[in-house]
Amino acid sequence: MADIVNEQGKEPEVSKEDMEKLESVKKADAAVKSMHDFTSPEVLYNELIASIKKYHPSTDITMIQKAYETAREAHKDQKRKSGEPYIIHPLCVAIILADLELDRAAMIRDVKMLQ
């Protein structure tokens, strides 16, 4: 705050409440991660496909690929509060469901919500 001065050339008085708010904002800013802190959507998509291929090696993944591309495009500018791209969430859900052999539900659900 030293670089802020009032008309008399003195630092303005800052209330304890304002200082606590400022500290809270600084902590929240520090918690926001950069893109480098997240697994990329492409890596997650490949993990999803690999998971599906484990139990259905001959599965046609065109529907899943189309759902992913549609969701990726629809969410391309969206970020979660953490700073991660939104598309990471549906991908992670799809990976969990693929591990349970319920894979198509997650990506299709996201696409249907966009319609």
Protein backbone atom coordinates (compact mmCIF):
# COMPACT_ATOMS: atom_id res chain seq x y z
CA MET A 1 0.00 0.00 0.00
CA ALA A 2 3.07 2.26 0.27
CA ASP A 3 2.76 3.35 -3.35
CA ILE A 4 -0.65 4.96 -2.69
CA VAL A 5 -0.61 8.46 -1.17
CA ASN A 6 -3.27 11.03 -0.44
CA GLU A 7 -3.24 14.75 -1.31
CA GLN A 8 -1.00 15.52 1.68
CA GLY A 9 1.58 13.00 0.47
CA LYS A 10 0.75 10.53 3.24
CA GLU A 11 -0.37 6.95 2.96
CA PRO A 12 -4.14 6.72 3.49
CA GLU A 13 -5.37 5.05 6.63
CA VAL A 14 -6.65 1.58 5.92
CA SER A 15 -9.10 -0.06 8.26
CA LYS A 16 -8.43 -3.47 9.71
CA GLU A 17 -11.50 -4.74 7.84
CA ASP A 18 -10.12 -3.48 4.52
CA MET A 19 -6.75 -5.08 5.23
CA GLU A 20 -8.46 -8.39 5.99
CA LYS A 21 -10.40 -8.15 2.72
CA LEU A 22 -7.19 -7.40 0.84
CA GLU A 23 -5.47 -10.41 2.42
CA SER A 24 -8.45 -12.57 1.53
CA VAL A 25 -8.25 -11.46 -2.11
CA LYS A 26 -4.48 -12.09 -2.17
CA LYS A 27 -5.03 -15.62 -0.82
CA ALA A 28 -7.76 -16.30 -3.39
CA ASP A 29 -5.51 -15.03 -6.19
CA ALA A 30 -2.69 -17.25 -4.99
CA ALA A 31 -5.04 -20.27 -5.07
CA VAL A 32 -5.89 -19.76 -8.74
CA LYS A 33 -3.67 -22.03 -10.77
CA SER A 34 -2.21 -21.46 -14.18
CA MET A 35 -2.94 -23.70 -17.16
CA HIS A 36 0.42 -25.39 -16.57
CA ASP A 37 -0.92 -26.75 -13.26
CA PHE A 38 -3.63 -28.82 -14.96
CA THR A 39 -3.63 -31.91 -17.12
CA SER A 40 -4.47 -30.79 -20.63
CA PRO A 41 -7.87 -31.69 -22.10
CA GLU A 42 -6.13 -33.57 -24.92
CA VAL A 43 -4.27 -35.79 -22.45
CA LEU A 44 -7.51 -36.44 -20.56
CA TYR A 45 -9.36 -37.23 -23.79
CA ASN A 46 -6.65 -39.75 -24.74
CA GLU A 47 -6.91 -41.26 -21.25
CA LEU A 48 -10.67 -41.57 -21.71
CA ILE A 49 -10.30 -43.34 -25.05
CA ALA A 50 -7.63 -45.66 -23.62
CA SER A 51 -9.94 -46.51 -20.71
CA ILE A 52 -12.80 -47.32 -23.09
CA LYS A 53 -10.57 -49.41 -25.34
CA LYS A 54 -9.53 -51.55 -22.33
CA TYR A 55 -12.93 -53.18 -22.11
CA HIS A 56 -14.25 -52.54 -25.64
CA PRO A 57 -11.25 -52.76 -27.99
CA SER A 58 -13.41 -52.66 -31.11
CA THR A 59 -15.78 -49.91 -29.96
CA ASP A 60 -16.54 -47.21 -32.49
CA ILE A 61 -15.64 -44.02 -30.66
CA THR A 62 -16.97 -41.57 -33.24
CA MET A 63 -19.94 -40.62 -31.05
CA ILE A 64 -17.65 -39.99 -28.08
CA GLN A 65 -15.24 -38.04 -30.27
CA LYS A 66 -18.10 -35.92 -31.64
CA ALA A 67 -19.42 -35.29 -28.11
CA TYR A 68 -15.94 -34.26 -26.96
CA GLU A 69 -15.42 -31.91 -29.90
CA THR A 70 -18.85 -30.34 -29.40
CA ALA A 71 -18.29 -29.89 -25.65
CA ARG A 72 -14.75 -28.57 -26.17
CA GLU A 73 -15.98 -25.97 -28.66
CA ALA A 74 -18.96 -24.98 -26.49
CA HIS A 75 -16.78 -24.53 -23.40
CA LYS A 76 -13.64 -23.18 -25.09
CA ASP A 77 -13.69 -19.84 -23.27
CA GLN A 78 -15.07 -21.07 -19.95
CA LYS A 79 -12.91 -21.42 -16.86
CA ARG A 80 -13.73 -22.88 -13.48
CA LYS A 81 -13.15 -20.81 -10.34
CA SER A 82 -9.84 -22.63 -9.93
CA GLY A 83 -8.72 -21.30 -13.32
CA GLU A 84 -8.81 -24.65 -15.10
CA PRO A 85 -10.59 -24.95 -18.44
CA TYR A 86 -14.19 -26.06 -17.86
CA ILE A 87 -13.91 -29.00 -20.30
CA ILE A 88 -11.61 -30.77 -17.82
CA HIS A 89 -14.59 -31.47 -15.55
CA PRO A 90 -16.75 -33.40 -18.04
CA LEU A 91 -13.65 -35.26 -19.23
CA CYS A 92 -12.77 -36.34 -15.69
CA VAL A 93 -16.36 -37.46 -15.09
CA ALA A 94 -16.28 -39.39 -18.37
CA ILE A 95 -13.04 -41.12 -17.33
CA ILE A 96 -14.59 -42.17 -14.02
CA LEU A 97 -17.66 -43.48 -15.82
CA ALA A 98 -15.50 -45.26 -18.40
CA ASP A 99 -13.68 -47.01 -15.57
CA LEU A 100 -17.13 -48.14 -14.43
CA GLU A 101 -17.97 -49.02 -18.04
CA LEU A 102 -20.61 -46.26 -18.20
CA ASP A 103 -18.52 -43.98 -20.42
CA ARG A 104 -20.91 -42.50 -22.99
CA ALA A 105 -23.21 -41.00 -20.38
CA ALA A 106 -20.90 -38.19 -19.22
CA MET A 107 -19.97 -36.61 -22.54
CA ILE A 108 -23.43 -37.09 -24.01
CA ARG A 109 -24.99 -35.54 -20.90
CA ASP A 110 -22.81 -32.45 -21.31
CA VAL A 111 -23.70 -32.11 -24.98
CA LYS A 112 -27.44 -32.58 -24.31
CA MET A 113 -27.30 -29.84 -21.68
CA LEU A 114 -25.99 -27.48 -24.39
CA GLN A 115 -28.95 -28.13 -26.68
